[in-house]
Amino acid sequence: NRELLSEQEAFQQFWEALNKESWMT
């Protein structure tokens, strides 16, 4: 029920989530 994002749009959302949630490697 939801159209998939483009690769770049998905990356931007992914990057923002990593920052917001303070993930570390």
mmCIF file of all heavy atoms, coordinates in Angstrom:
data_MODEL
# 
_entry.id   MODEL 
# 
loop_
_atom_site.group_PDB 
_atom_site.id 
_atom_site.type_symbol 
_atom_site.label_atom_id 
_atom_site.label_alt_id 
_atom_site.label_comp_id 
_atom_site.label_asym_id 
_atom_site.label_entity_id 
_atom_site.label_seq_id 
_atom_site.pdbx_PDB_ins_code 
_atom_site.Cartn_x 
_atom_site.Cartn_y 
_atom_site.Cartn_z 
_atom_site.occupancy 
_atom_site.B_iso_or_equiv 
_atom_site.pdbx_formal_charge 
_atom_site.auth_seq_id 
_atom_site.auth_comp_id 
_atom_site.auth_asym_id 
_atom_site.auth_atom_id 
_atom_site.pdbx_PDB_model_num 
ATOM 1   N N   . ASN A 1 1  ? 0.799  -1.227 0.000  1.00 0.00 ? 1  ASN A N   1 
ATOM 2   C CA  . ASN A 1 1  ? 0.000  0.000  0.000  1.00 0.00 ? 1  ASN A CA  1 
ATOM 3   C C   . ASN A 1 1  ? 0.832  1.278  0.000  1.00 0.00 ? 1  ASN A C   1 
ATOM 4   O O   . ASN A 1 1  ? 0.350  2.316  0.384  1.00 0.00 ? 1  ASN A O   1 
ATOM 5   C CB  . ASN A 1 1  ? -0.958 0.031  1.204  1.00 0.00 ? 1  ASN A CB  1 
ATOM 6   C CG  . ASN A 1 1  ? -1.882 -1.148 1.223  1.00 0.00 ? 1  ASN A CG  1 
ATOM 7   O OD1 . ASN A 1 1  ? -2.287 -1.648 0.173  1.00 0.00 ? 1  ASN A OD1 1 
ATOM 8   N ND2 . ASN A 1 1  ? -2.222 -1.618 2.400  1.00 0.00 ? 1  ASN A ND2 1 
ATOM 9   N N   . ARG A 1 2  ? 2.067  1.194  -0.397 1.00 0.00 ? 2  ARG A N   1 
ATOM 10  C CA  . ARG A 1 2  ? 2.907  2.370  -0.420 1.00 0.00 ? 2  ARG A CA  1 
ATOM 11  C C   . ARG A 1 2  ? 3.929  2.222  -1.533 1.00 0.00 ? 2  ARG A C   1 
ATOM 12  O O   . ARG A 1 2  ? 4.563  1.193  -1.662 1.00 0.00 ? 2  ARG A O   1 
ATOM 13  C CB  . ARG A 1 2  ? 3.623  2.525  0.925  1.00 0.00 ? 2  ARG A CB  1 
ATOM 14  C CG  . ARG A 1 2  ? 4.149  3.905  1.163  1.00 0.00 ? 2  ARG A CG  1 
ATOM 15  C CD  . ARG A 1 2  ? 4.867  3.913  2.476  1.00 0.00 ? 2  ARG A CD  1 
ATOM 16  N NE  . ARG A 1 2  ? 4.161  4.783  3.392  1.00 0.00 ? 2  ARG A NE  1 
ATOM 17  C CZ  . ARG A 1 2  ? 4.636  5.139  4.553  1.00 0.00 ? 2  ARG A CZ  1 
ATOM 18  N NH1 . ARG A 1 2  ? 5.772  4.668  4.975  1.00 0.00 ? 2  ARG A NH1 1 
ATOM 19  N NH2 . ARG A 1 2  ? 3.971  5.954  5.332  1.00 0.00 ? 2  ARG A NH2 1 
ATOM 20  N N   . GLU A 1 3  ? 4.060  3.255  -2.311 1.00 0.00 ? 3  GLU A N   1 
ATOM 21  C CA  . GLU A 1 3  ? 5.041  3.219  -3.384 1.00 0.00 ? 3  GLU A CA  1 
ATOM 22  C C   . GLU A 1 3  ? 6.435  3.315  -2.792 1.00 0.00 ? 3  GLU A C   1 
ATOM 23  O O   . GLU A 1 3  ? 6.683  4.114  -1.887 1.00 0.00 ? 3  GLU A O   1 
ATOM 24  C CB  . GLU A 1 3  ? 4.794  4.377  -4.341 1.00 0.00 ? 3  GLU A CB  1 
ATOM 25  C CG  . GLU A 1 3  ? 5.645  4.305  -5.582 1.00 0.00 ? 3  GLU A CG  1 
ATOM 26  C CD  . GLU A 1 3  ? 5.294  5.397  -6.573 1.00 0.00 ? 3  GLU A CD  1 
ATOM 27  O OE1 . GLU A 1 3  ? 4.096  5.703  -6.717 1.00 0.00 ? 3  GLU A OE1 1 
ATOM 28  O OE2 . GLU A 1 3  ? 6.228  5.933  -7.164 1.00 0.00 ? 3  GLU A OE2 1 
ATOM 29  N N   . LEU A 1 4  ? 7.336  2.492  -3.294 1.00 0.00 ? 4  LEU A N   1 
ATOM 30  C CA  . LEU A 1 4  ? 8.709  2.525  -2.810 1.00 0.00 ? 4  LEU A CA  1 
ATOM 31  C C   . LEU A 1 4  ? 9.383  3.826  -3.222 1.00 0.00 ? 4  LEU A C   1 
ATOM 32  O O   . LEU A 1 4  ? 9.097  4.388  -4.272 1.00 0.00 ? 4  LEU A O   1 
ATOM 33  C CB  . LEU A 1 4  ? 9.500  1.341  -3.370 1.00 0.00 ? 4  LEU A CB  1 
ATOM 34  C CG  . LEU A 1 4  ? 9.114  -0.029 -2.842 1.00 0.00 ? 4  LEU A CG  1 
ATOM 35  C CD1 . LEU A 1 4  ? 9.904  -1.108 -3.580 1.00 0.00 ? 4  LEU A CD1 1 
ATOM 36  C CD2 . LEU A 1 4  ? 9.348  -0.127 -1.357 1.00 0.00 ? 4  LEU A CD2 1 
ATOM 37  N N   . LEU A 1 5  ? 10.299 4.260  -2.395 1.00 0.00 ? 5  LEU A N   1 
ATOM 38  C CA  . LEU A 1 5  ? 11.067 5.461  -2.671 1.00 0.00 ? 5  LEU A CA  1 
ATOM 39  C C   . LEU A 1 5  ? 12.142 5.169  -3.715 1.00 0.00 ? 5  LEU A C   1 
ATOM 40  O O   . LEU A 1 5  ? 12.545 4.015  -3.893 1.00 0.00 ? 5  LEU A O   1 
ATOM 41  C CB  . LEU A 1 5  ? 11.748 5.939  -1.386 1.00 0.00 ? 5  LEU A CB  1 
ATOM 42  C CG  . LEU A 1 5  ? 10.843 6.302  -0.213 1.00 0.00 ? 5  LEU A CG  1 
ATOM 43  C CD1 . LEU A 1 5  ? 11.683 6.553  1.026  1.00 0.00 ? 5  LEU A CD1 1 
ATOM 44  C CD2 . LEU A 1 5  ? 9.994  7.510  -0.541 1.00 0.00 ? 5  LEU A CD2 1 
ATOM 45  N N   . SER A 1 6  ? 12.634 6.222  -4.341 1.00 0.00 ? 6  SER A N   1 
ATOM 46  C CA  . SER A 1 6  ? 13.809 6.051  -5.191 1.00 0.00 ? 6  SER A CA  1 
ATOM 47  C C   . SER A 1 6  ? 14.987 5.708  -4.284 1.00 0.00 ? 6  SER A C   1 
ATOM 48  O O   . SER A 1 6  ? 14.939 5.931  -3.062 1.00 0.00 ? 6  SER A O   1 
ATOM 49  C CB  . SER A 1 6  ? 14.106 7.339  -5.966 1.00 0.00 ? 6  SER A CB  1 
ATOM 50  O OG  . SER A 1 6  ? 14.610 8.325  -5.085 1.00 0.00 ? 6  SER A OG  1 
ATOM 51  N N   . GLU A 1 7  ? 16.042 5.191  -4.861 1.00 0.00 ? 7  GLU A N   1 
ATOM 52  C CA  . GLU A 1 7  ? 17.216 4.849  -4.054 1.00 0.00 ? 7  GLU A CA  1 
ATOM 53  C C   . GLU A 1 7  ? 17.745 6.067  -3.305 1.00 0.00 ? 7  GLU A C   1 
ATOM 54  O O   . GLU A 1 7  ? 18.082 5.979  -2.121 1.00 0.00 ? 7  GLU A O   1 
ATOM 55  C CB  . GLU A 1 7  ? 18.303 4.261  -4.949 1.00 0.00 ? 7  GLU A CB  1 
ATOM 56  C CG  . GLU A 1 7  ? 19.504 3.775  -4.176 1.00 0.00 ? 7  GLU A CG  1 
ATOM 57  C CD  . GLU A 1 7  ? 20.529 3.077  -5.053 1.00 0.00 ? 7  GLU A CD  1 
ATOM 58  O OE1 . GLU A 1 7  ? 20.165 2.528  -6.106 1.00 0.00 ? 7  GLU A OE1 1 
ATOM 59  O OE2 . GLU A 1 7  ? 21.700 3.082  -4.653 1.00 0.00 ? 7  GLU A OE2 1 
ATOM 60  N N   . GLN A 1 8  ? 17.805 7.219  -3.961 1.00 0.00 ? 8  GLN A N   1 
ATOM 61  C CA  . GLN A 1 8  ? 18.321 8.435  -3.323 1.00 0.00 ? 8  GLN A CA  1 
ATOM 62  C C   . GLN A 1 8  ? 17.397 8.931  -2.219 1.00 0.00 ? 8  GLN A C   1 
ATOM 63  O O   . GLN A 1 8  ? 17.853 9.345  -1.158 1.00 0.00 ? 8  GLN A O   1 
ATOM 64  C CB  . GLN A 1 8  ? 18.552 9.540  -4.367 1.00 0.00 ? 8  GLN A CB  1 
ATOM 65  C CG  . GLN A 1 8  ? 19.210 10.777 -3.792 1.00 0.00 ? 8  GLN A CG  1 
ATOM 66  C CD  . GLN A 1 8  ? 20.540 10.489 -3.125 1.00 0.00 ? 8  GLN A CD  1 
ATOM 67  O OE1 . GLN A 1 8  ? 21.354 9.705  -3.592 1.00 0.00 ? 8  GLN A OE1 1 
ATOM 68  N NE2 . GLN A 1 8  ? 20.774 11.110 -1.974 1.00 0.00 ? 8  GLN A NE2 1 
ATOM 69  N N   . GLU A 1 9  ? 16.083 8.889  -2.459 1.00 0.00 ? 9  GLU A N   1 
ATOM 70  C CA  . GLU A 1 9  ? 15.133 9.310  -1.418 1.00 0.00 ? 9  GLU A CA  1 
ATOM 71  C C   . GLU A 1 9  ? 15.210 8.379  -0.208 1.00 0.00 ? 9  GLU A C   1 
ATOM 72  O O   . GLU A 1 9  ? 15.178 8.836  0.944  1.00 0.00 ? 9  GLU A O   1 
ATOM 73  C CB  . GLU A 1 9  ? 13.709 9.309  -1.969 1.00 0.00 ? 9  GLU A CB  1 
ATOM 74  C CG  . GLU A 1 9  ? 13.437 10.390 -2.991 1.00 0.00 ? 9  GLU A CG  1 
ATOM 75  C CD  . GLU A 1 9  ? 12.112 10.193 -3.707 1.00 0.00 ? 9  GLU A CD  1 
ATOM 76  O OE1 . GLU A 1 9  ? 11.716 9.027  -3.950 1.00 0.00 ? 9  GLU A OE1 1 
ATOM 77  O OE2 . GLU A 1 9  ? 11.479 11.205 -4.024 1.00 0.00 ? 9  GLU A OE2 1 
ATOM 78  N N   . ALA A 1 10 ? 15.324 7.087  -0.465 1.00 0.00 ? 10 ALA A N   1 
ATOM 79  C CA  . ALA A 1 10 ? 15.451 6.119  0.624  1.00 0.00 ? 10 ALA A CA  1 
ATOM 80  C C   . ALA A 1 10 ? 16.740 6.357  1.400  1.00 0.00 ? 10 ALA A C   1 
ATOM 81  O O   . ALA A 1 10 ? 16.752 6.284  2.632  1.00 0.00 ? 10 ALA A O   1 
ATOM 82  C CB  . ALA A 1 10 ? 15.412 4.696  0.074  1.00 0.00 ? 10 ALA A CB  1 
ATOM 83  N N   . PHE A 1 11 ? 17.828 6.654  0.674  1.00 0.00 ? 11 PHE A N   1 
ATOM 84  C CA  . PHE A 1 11 ? 19.097 6.928  1.359  1.00 0.00 ? 11 PHE A CA  1 
ATOM 85  C C   . PHE A 1 11 ? 18.968 8.146  2.265  1.00 0.00 ? 11 PHE A C   1 
ATOM 86  O O   . PHE A 1 11 ? 19.439 8.129  3.404  1.00 0.00 ? 11 PHE A O   1 
ATOM 87  C CB  . PHE A 1 11 ? 20.245 7.144  0.365  1.00 0.00 ? 11 PHE A CB  1 
ATOM 88  C CG  . PHE A 1 11 ? 21.522 7.489  1.068  1.00 0.00 ? 11 PHE A CG  1 
ATOM 89  C CD1 . PHE A 1 11 ? 22.262 6.506  1.695  1.00 0.00 ? 11 PHE A CD1 1 
ATOM 90  C CD2 . PHE A 1 11 ? 21.955 8.803  1.153  1.00 0.00 ? 11 PHE A CD2 1 
ATOM 91  C CE1 . PHE A 1 11 ? 23.424 6.811  2.388  1.00 0.00 ? 11 PHE A CE1 1 
ATOM 92  C CE2 . PHE A 1 11 ? 23.112 9.124  1.842  1.00 0.00 ? 11 PHE A CE2 1 
ATOM 93  C CZ  . PHE A 1 11 ? 23.854 8.130  2.459  1.00 0.00 ? 11 PHE A CZ  1 
ATOM 94  N N   . GLN A 1 12 ? 18.338 9.198  1.781  1.00 0.00 ? 12 GLN A N   1 
ATOM 95  C CA  . GLN A 1 12 ? 18.177 10.407 2.598  1.00 0.00 ? 12 GLN A CA  1 
ATOM 96  C C   . GLN A 1 12 ? 17.397 10.090 3.865  1.00 0.00 ? 12 GLN A C   1 
ATOM 97  O O   . GLN A 1 12 ? 17.771 10.513 4.962  1.00 0.00 ? 12 GLN A O   1 
ATOM 98  C CB  . GLN A 1 12 ? 17.465 11.505 1.792  1.00 0.00 ? 12 GLN A CB  1 
ATOM 99  C CG  . GLN A 1 12 ? 17.340 12.812 2.536  1.00 0.00 ? 12 GLN A CG  1 
ATOM 100 C CD  . GLN A 1 12 ? 18.679 13.446 2.869  1.00 0.00 ? 12 GLN A CD  1 
ATOM 101 O OE1 . GLN A 1 12 ? 19.631 13.355 2.099  1.00 0.00 ? 12 GLN A OE1 1 
ATOM 102 N NE2 . GLN A 1 12 ? 18.767 14.082 4.021  1.00 0.00 ? 12 GLN A NE2 1 
ATOM 103 N N   . GLN A 1 13 ? 16.331 9.313  3.752  1.00 0.00 ? 13 GLN A N   1 
ATOM 104 C CA  . GLN A 1 13 ? 15.533 8.932  4.924  1.00 0.00 ? 13 GLN A CA  1 
ATOM 105 C C   . GLN A 1 13 ? 16.367 8.060  5.868  1.00 0.00 ? 13 GLN A C   1 
ATOM 106 O O   . GLN A 1 13 ? 16.306 8.218  7.093  1.00 0.00 ? 13 GLN A O   1 
ATOM 107 C CB  . GLN A 1 13 ? 14.276 8.193  4.467  1.00 0.00 ? 13 GLN A CB  1 
ATOM 108 C CG  . GLN A 1 13 ? 13.294 7.927  5.570  1.00 0.00 ? 13 GLN A CG  1 
ATOM 109 C CD  . GLN A 1 13 ? 12.000 7.307  5.057  1.00 0.00 ? 13 GLN A CD  1 
ATOM 110 O OE1 . GLN A 1 13 ? 11.812 7.091  3.860  1.00 0.00 ? 13 GLN A OE1 1 
ATOM 111 N NE2 . GLN A 1 13 ? 11.115 6.995  5.970  1.00 0.00 ? 13 GLN A NE2 1 
ATOM 112 N N   . PHE A 1 14 ? 17.142 7.153  5.313  1.00 0.00 ? 14 PHE A N   1 
ATOM 113 C CA  . PHE A 1 14 ? 18.021 6.275  6.096  1.00 0.00 ? 14 PHE A CA  1 
ATOM 114 C C   . PHE A 1 14 ? 19.057 7.100  6.855  1.00 0.00 ? 14 PHE A C   1 
ATOM 115 O O   . PHE A 1 14 ? 19.240 6.934  8.064  1.00 0.00 ? 14 PHE A O   1 
ATOM 116 C CB  . PHE A 1 14 ? 18.700 5.299  5.131  1.00 0.00 ? 14 PHE A CB  1 
ATOM 117 C CG  . PHE A 1 14 ? 19.703 4.368  5.745  1.00 0.00 ? 14 PHE A CG  1 
ATOM 118 C CD1 . PHE A 1 14 ? 19.318 3.414  6.668  1.00 0.00 ? 14 PHE A CD1 1 
ATOM 119 C CD2 . PHE A 1 14 ? 21.033 4.427  5.369  1.00 0.00 ? 14 PHE A CD2 1 
ATOM 120 C CE1 . PHE A 1 14 ? 20.239 2.535  7.214  1.00 0.00 ? 14 PHE A CE1 1 
ATOM 121 C CE2 . PHE A 1 14 ? 21.967 3.560  5.909  1.00 0.00 ? 14 PHE A CE2 1 
ATOM 122 C CZ  . PHE A 1 14 ? 21.564 2.614  6.841  1.00 0.00 ? 14 PHE A CZ  1 
ATOM 123 N N   . TRP A 1 15 ? 19.721 8.008  6.156  1.00 0.00 ? 15 TRP A N   1 
ATOM 124 C CA  . TRP A 1 15 ? 20.751 8.857  6.762  1.00 0.00 ? 15 TRP A CA  1 
ATOM 125 C C   . TRP A 1 15 ? 20.170 9.698  7.900  1.00 0.00 ? 15 TRP A C   1 
ATOM 126 O O   . TRP A 1 15 ? 20.769 9.805  8.970  1.00 0.00 ? 15 TRP A O   1 
ATOM 127 C CB  . TRP A 1 15 ? 21.372 9.743  5.675  1.00 0.00 ? 15 TRP A CB  1 
ATOM 128 C CG  . TRP A 1 15 ? 22.519 10.554 6.154  1.00 0.00 ? 15 TRP A CG  1 
ATOM 129 C CD1 . TRP A 1 15 ? 23.823 10.177 6.234  1.00 0.00 ? 15 TRP A CD1 1 
ATOM 130 C CD2 . TRP A 1 15 ? 22.471 11.905 6.619  1.00 0.00 ? 15 TRP A CD2 1 
ATOM 131 N NE1 . TRP A 1 15 ? 24.592 11.208 6.729  1.00 0.00 ? 15 TRP A NE1 1 
ATOM 132 C CE2 . TRP A 1 15 ? 23.770 12.278 6.967  1.00 0.00 ? 15 TRP A CE2 1 
ATOM 133 C CE3 . TRP A 1 15 ? 21.434 12.825 6.769  1.00 0.00 ? 15 TRP A CE3 1 
ATOM 134 C CZ2 . TRP A 1 15 ? 24.079 13.542 7.464  1.00 0.00 ? 15 TRP A CZ2 1 
ATOM 135 C CZ3 . TRP A 1 15 ? 21.743 14.087 7.268  1.00 0.00 ? 15 TRP A CZ3 1 
ATOM 136 C CH2 . TRP A 1 15 ? 23.054 14.429 7.607  1.00 0.00 ? 15 TRP A CH2 1 
ATOM 137 N N   . GLU A 1 16 ? 19.011 10.265 7.677  1.00 0.00 ? 16 GLU A N   1 
ATOM 138 C CA  . GLU A 1 16 ? 18.357 11.075 8.707  1.00 0.00 ? 16 GLU A CA  1 
ATOM 139 C C   . GLU A 1 16 ? 18.016 10.232 9.941  1.00 0.00 ? 16 GLU A C   1 
ATOM 140 O O   . GLU A 1 16 ? 18.189 10.681 11.077 1.00 0.00 ? 16 GLU A O   1 
ATOM 141 C CB  . GLU A 1 16 ? 17.102 11.743 8.149  1.00 0.00 ? 16 GLU A CB  1 
ATOM 142 C CG  . GLU A 1 16 ? 17.428 12.855 7.169  1.00 0.00 ? 16 GLU A CG  1 
ATOM 143 C CD  . GLU A 1 16 ? 16.217 13.393 6.433  1.00 0.00 ? 16 GLU A CD  1 
ATOM 144 O OE1 . GLU A 1 16 ? 15.069 12.950 6.703  1.00 0.00 ? 16 GLU A OE1 1 
ATOM 145 O OE2 . GLU A 1 16 ? 16.414 14.259 5.553  1.00 0.00 ? 16 GLU A OE2 1 
ATOM 146 N N   . ALA A 1 17 ? 17.546 9.006  9.727  1.00 0.00 ? 17 ALA A N   1 
ATOM 147 C CA  . ALA A 1 17 ? 17.212 8.124  10.854 1.00 0.00 ? 17 ALA A CA  1 
ATOM 148 C C   . ALA A 1 17 ? 18.472 7.756  11.646 1.00 0.00 ? 17 ALA A C   1 
ATOM 149 O O   . ALA A 1 17 ? 18.448 7.725  12.881 1.00 0.00 ? 17 ALA A O   1 
ATOM 150 C CB  . ALA A 1 17 ? 16.507 6.871  10.359 1.00 0.00 ? 17 ALA A CB  1 
ATOM 151 N N   . LEU A 1 18 ? 19.561 7.462  10.943 1.00 0.00 ? 18 LEU A N   1 
ATOM 152 C CA  . LEU A 1 18 ? 20.824 7.145  11.630 1.00 0.00 ? 18 LEU A CA  1 
ATOM 153 C C   . LEU A 1 18 ? 21.260 8.305  12.517 1.00 0.00 ? 18 LEU A C   1 
ATOM 154 O O   . LEU A 1 18 ? 21.692 8.102  13.654 1.00 0.00 ? 18 LEU A O   1 
ATOM 155 C CB  . LEU A 1 18 ? 21.930 6.829  10.621 1.00 0.00 ? 18 LEU A CB  1 
ATOM 156 C CG  . LEU A 1 18 ? 21.795 5.527  9.850  1.00 0.00 ? 18 LEU A CG  1 
ATOM 157 C CD1 . LEU A 1 18 ? 22.843 5.465  8.734  1.00 0.00 ? 18 LEU A CD1 1 
ATOM 158 C CD2 . LEU A 1 18 ? 21.922 4.328  10.775 1.00 0.00 ? 18 LEU A CD2 1 
ATOM 159 N N   . ASN A 1 19 ? 21.172 9.519  11.991 1.00 0.00 ? 19 ASN A N   1 
ATOM 160 C CA  . ASN A 1 19 ? 21.547 10.699 12.769 1.00 0.00 ? 19 ASN A CA  1 
ATOM 161 C C   . ASN A 1 19 ? 20.624 10.901 13.965 1.00 0.00 ? 19 ASN A C   1 
ATOM 162 O O   . ASN A 1 19 ? 21.079 11.107 15.083 1.00 0.00 ? 19 ASN A O   1 
ATOM 163 C CB  . ASN A 1 19 ? 21.521 11.963 11.902 1.00 0.00 ? 19 ASN A CB  1 
ATOM 164 C CG  . ASN A 1 19 ? 22.814 12.178 11.184 1.00 0.00 ? 19 ASN A CG  1 
ATOM 165 O OD1 . ASN A 1 19 ? 23.884 11.932 11.712 1.00 0.00 ? 19 ASN A OD1 1 
ATOM 166 N ND2 . ASN A 1 19 ? 22.717 12.642 9.956  1.00 0.00 ? 19 ASN A ND2 1 
ATOM 167 N N   . LYS A 1 20 ? 19.329 10.855 13.709 1.00 0.00 ? 20 LYS A N   1 
ATOM 168 C CA  . LYS A 1 20 ? 18.338 11.102 14.759 1.00 0.00 ? 20 LYS A CA  1 
ATOM 169 C C   . LYS A 1 20 ? 18.480 10.100 15.903 1.00 0.00 ? 20 LYS A C   1 
ATOM 170 O O   . LYS A 1 20 ? 18.365 10.453 17.072 1.00 0.00 ? 20 LYS A O   1 
ATOM 171 C CB  . LYS A 1 20 ? 16.935 11.031 14.159 1.00 0.00 ? 20 LYS A CB  1 
ATOM 172 C CG  . LYS A 1 20 ? 15.836 11.274 15.160 1.00 0.00 ? 20 LYS A CG  1 
ATOM 173 C CD  . LYS A 1 20 ? 14.474 11.183 14.507 1.00 0.00 ? 20 LYS A CD  1 
ATOM 174 C CE  . LYS A 1 20 ? 13.384 11.373 15.541 1.00 0.00 ? 20 LYS A CE  1 
ATOM 175 N NZ  . LYS A 1 20 ? 12.060 11.126 14.982 1.00 0.00 ? 20 LYS A NZ  1 
ATOM 176 N N   . GLU A 1 21 ? 18.739 8.845  15.551 1.00 0.00 ? 21 GLU A N   1 
ATOM 177 C CA  . GLU A 1 21 ? 18.812 7.787  16.561 1.00 0.00 ? 21 GLU A CA  1 
ATOM 178 C C   . GLU A 1 21 ? 20.228 7.550  17.095 1.00 0.00 ? 21 GLU A C   1 
ATOM 179 O O   . GLU A 1 21 ? 20.435 6.662  17.916 1.00 0.00 ? 21 GLU A O   1 
ATOM 180 C CB  . GLU A 1 21 ? 18.236 6.495  15.987 1.00 0.00 ? 21 GLU A CB  1 
ATOM 181 C CG  . GLU A 1 21 ? 16.763 6.629  15.639 1.00 0.00 ? 21 GLU A CG  1 
ATOM 182 C CD  . GLU A 1 21 ? 16.169 5.341  15.122 1.00 0.00 ? 21 GLU A CD  1 
ATOM 183 O OE1 . GLU A 1 21 ? 16.727 4.252  15.387 1.00 0.00 ? 21 GLU A OE1 1 
ATOM 184 O OE2 . GLU A 1 21 ? 15.131 5.420  14.438 1.00 0.00 ? 21 GLU A OE2 1 
ATOM 185 N N   . SER A 1 22 ? 21.205 8.313  16.618 1.00 0.00 ? 22 SER A N   1 
ATOM 186 C CA  . SER A 1 22 ? 22.590 8.270  17.117 1.00 0.00 ? 22 SER A CA  1 
ATOM 187 C C   . SER A 1 22 ? 23.250 6.896  17.022 1.00 0.00 ? 22 SER A C   1 
ATOM 188 O O   . SER A 1 22 ? 23.905 6.442  17.960 1.00 0.00 ? 22 SER A O   1 
ATOM 189 C CB  . SER A 1 22 ? 22.648 8.772  18.563 1.00 0.00 ? 22 SER A CB  1 
ATOM 190 O OG  . SER A 1 22 ? 22.128 10.068 18.659 1.00 0.00 ? 22 SER A OG  1 
ATOM 191 N N   . TRP A 1 23 ? 23.095 6.222  15.888 1.00 0.00 ? 23 TRP A N   1 
ATOM 192 C CA  . TRP A 1 23 ? 23.755 4.939  15.681 1.00 0.00 ? 23 TRP A CA  1 
ATOM 193 C C   . TRP A 1 23 ? 25.263 5.143  15.572 1.00 0.00 ? 23 TRP A C   1 
ATOM 194 O O   . TRP A 1 23 ? 25.730 6.144  15.034 1.00 0.00 ? 23 TRP A O   1 
ATOM 195 C CB  . TRP A 1 23 ? 23.243 4.290  14.403 1.00 0.00 ? 23 TRP A CB  1 
ATOM 196 C CG  . TRP A 1 23 ? 21.917 3.618  14.570 1.00 0.00 ? 23 TRP A CG  1 
ATOM 197 C CD1 . TRP A 1 23 ? 20.713 4.218  14.789 1.00 0.00 ? 23 TRP A CD1 1 
ATOM 198 C CD2 . TRP A 1 23 ? 21.661 2.222  14.522 1.00 0.00 ? 23 TRP A CD2 1 
ATOM 199 N NE1 . TRP A 1 23 ? 19.724 3.284  14.874 1.00 0.00 ? 23 TRP A NE1 1 
ATOM 200 C CE2 . TRP A 1 23 ? 20.270 2.038  14.714 1.00 0.00 ? 23 TRP A CE2 1 
ATOM 201 C CE3 . TRP A 1 23 ? 22.463 1.108  14.327 1.00 0.00 ? 23 TRP A CE3 1 
ATOM 202 C CZ2 . TRP A 1 23 ? 19.676 0.790  14.720 1.00 0.00 ? 23 TRP A CZ2 1 
ATOM 203 C CZ3 . TRP A 1 23 ? 21.862 -0.153 14.326 1.00 0.00 ? 23 TRP A CZ3 1 
ATOM 204 C CH2 . TRP A 1 23 ? 20.484 -0.296 14.528 1.00 0.00 ? 23 TRP A CH2 1 
ATOM 205 N N   . MET A 1 24 ? 26.029 4.155  16.070 1.00 0.00 ? 24 MET A N   1 
ATOM 206 C CA  . MET A 1 24 ? 27.492 4.184  15.996 1.00 0.00 ? 24 MET A CA  1 
ATOM 207 C C   . MET A 1 24 ? 27.997 2.873  15.399 1.00 0.00 ? 24 MET A C   1 
ATOM 208 O O   . MET A 1 24 ? 27.385 1.822  15.567 1.00 0.00 ? 24 MET A O   1 
ATOM 209 C CB  . MET A 1 24 ? 28.108 4.368  17.383 1.00 0.00 ? 24 MET A CB  1 
ATOM 210 C CG  . MET A 1 24 ? 27.897 5.731  17.989 1.00 0.00 ? 24 MET A CG  1 
ATOM 211 S SD  . MET A 1 24 ? 28.786 7.047  17.134 1.00 0.00 ? 24 MET A SD  1 
ATOM 212 C CE  . MET A 1 24 ? 30.494 6.661  17.530 1.00 0.00 ? 24 MET A CE  1 
ATOM 213 N N   . THR A 1 25 ? 29.137 2.965  14.726 1.00 0.00 ? 25 THR A N   1 
ATOM 214 C CA  . THR A 1 25 ? 29.807 1.792  14.181 1.00 0.00 ? 25 THR A CA  1 
ATOM 215 C C   . THR A 1 25 ? 31.161 1.687  14.863 1.00 0.00 ? 25 THR A C   1 
ATOM 216 O O   . THR A 1 25 ? 31.945 2.638  14.844 1.00 0.00 ? 25 THR A O   1 
ATOM 217 C CB  . THR A 1 25 ? 29.978 1.910  12.647 1.00 0.00 ? 25 THR A CB  1 
ATOM 218 O OG1 . THR A 1 25 ? 28.674 2.044  12.069 1.00 0.00 ? 25 THR A OG1 1 
ATOM 219 C CG2 . THR A 1 25 ? 30.664 0.674  12.074 1.00 0.00 ? 25 THR A CG2 1 
# 
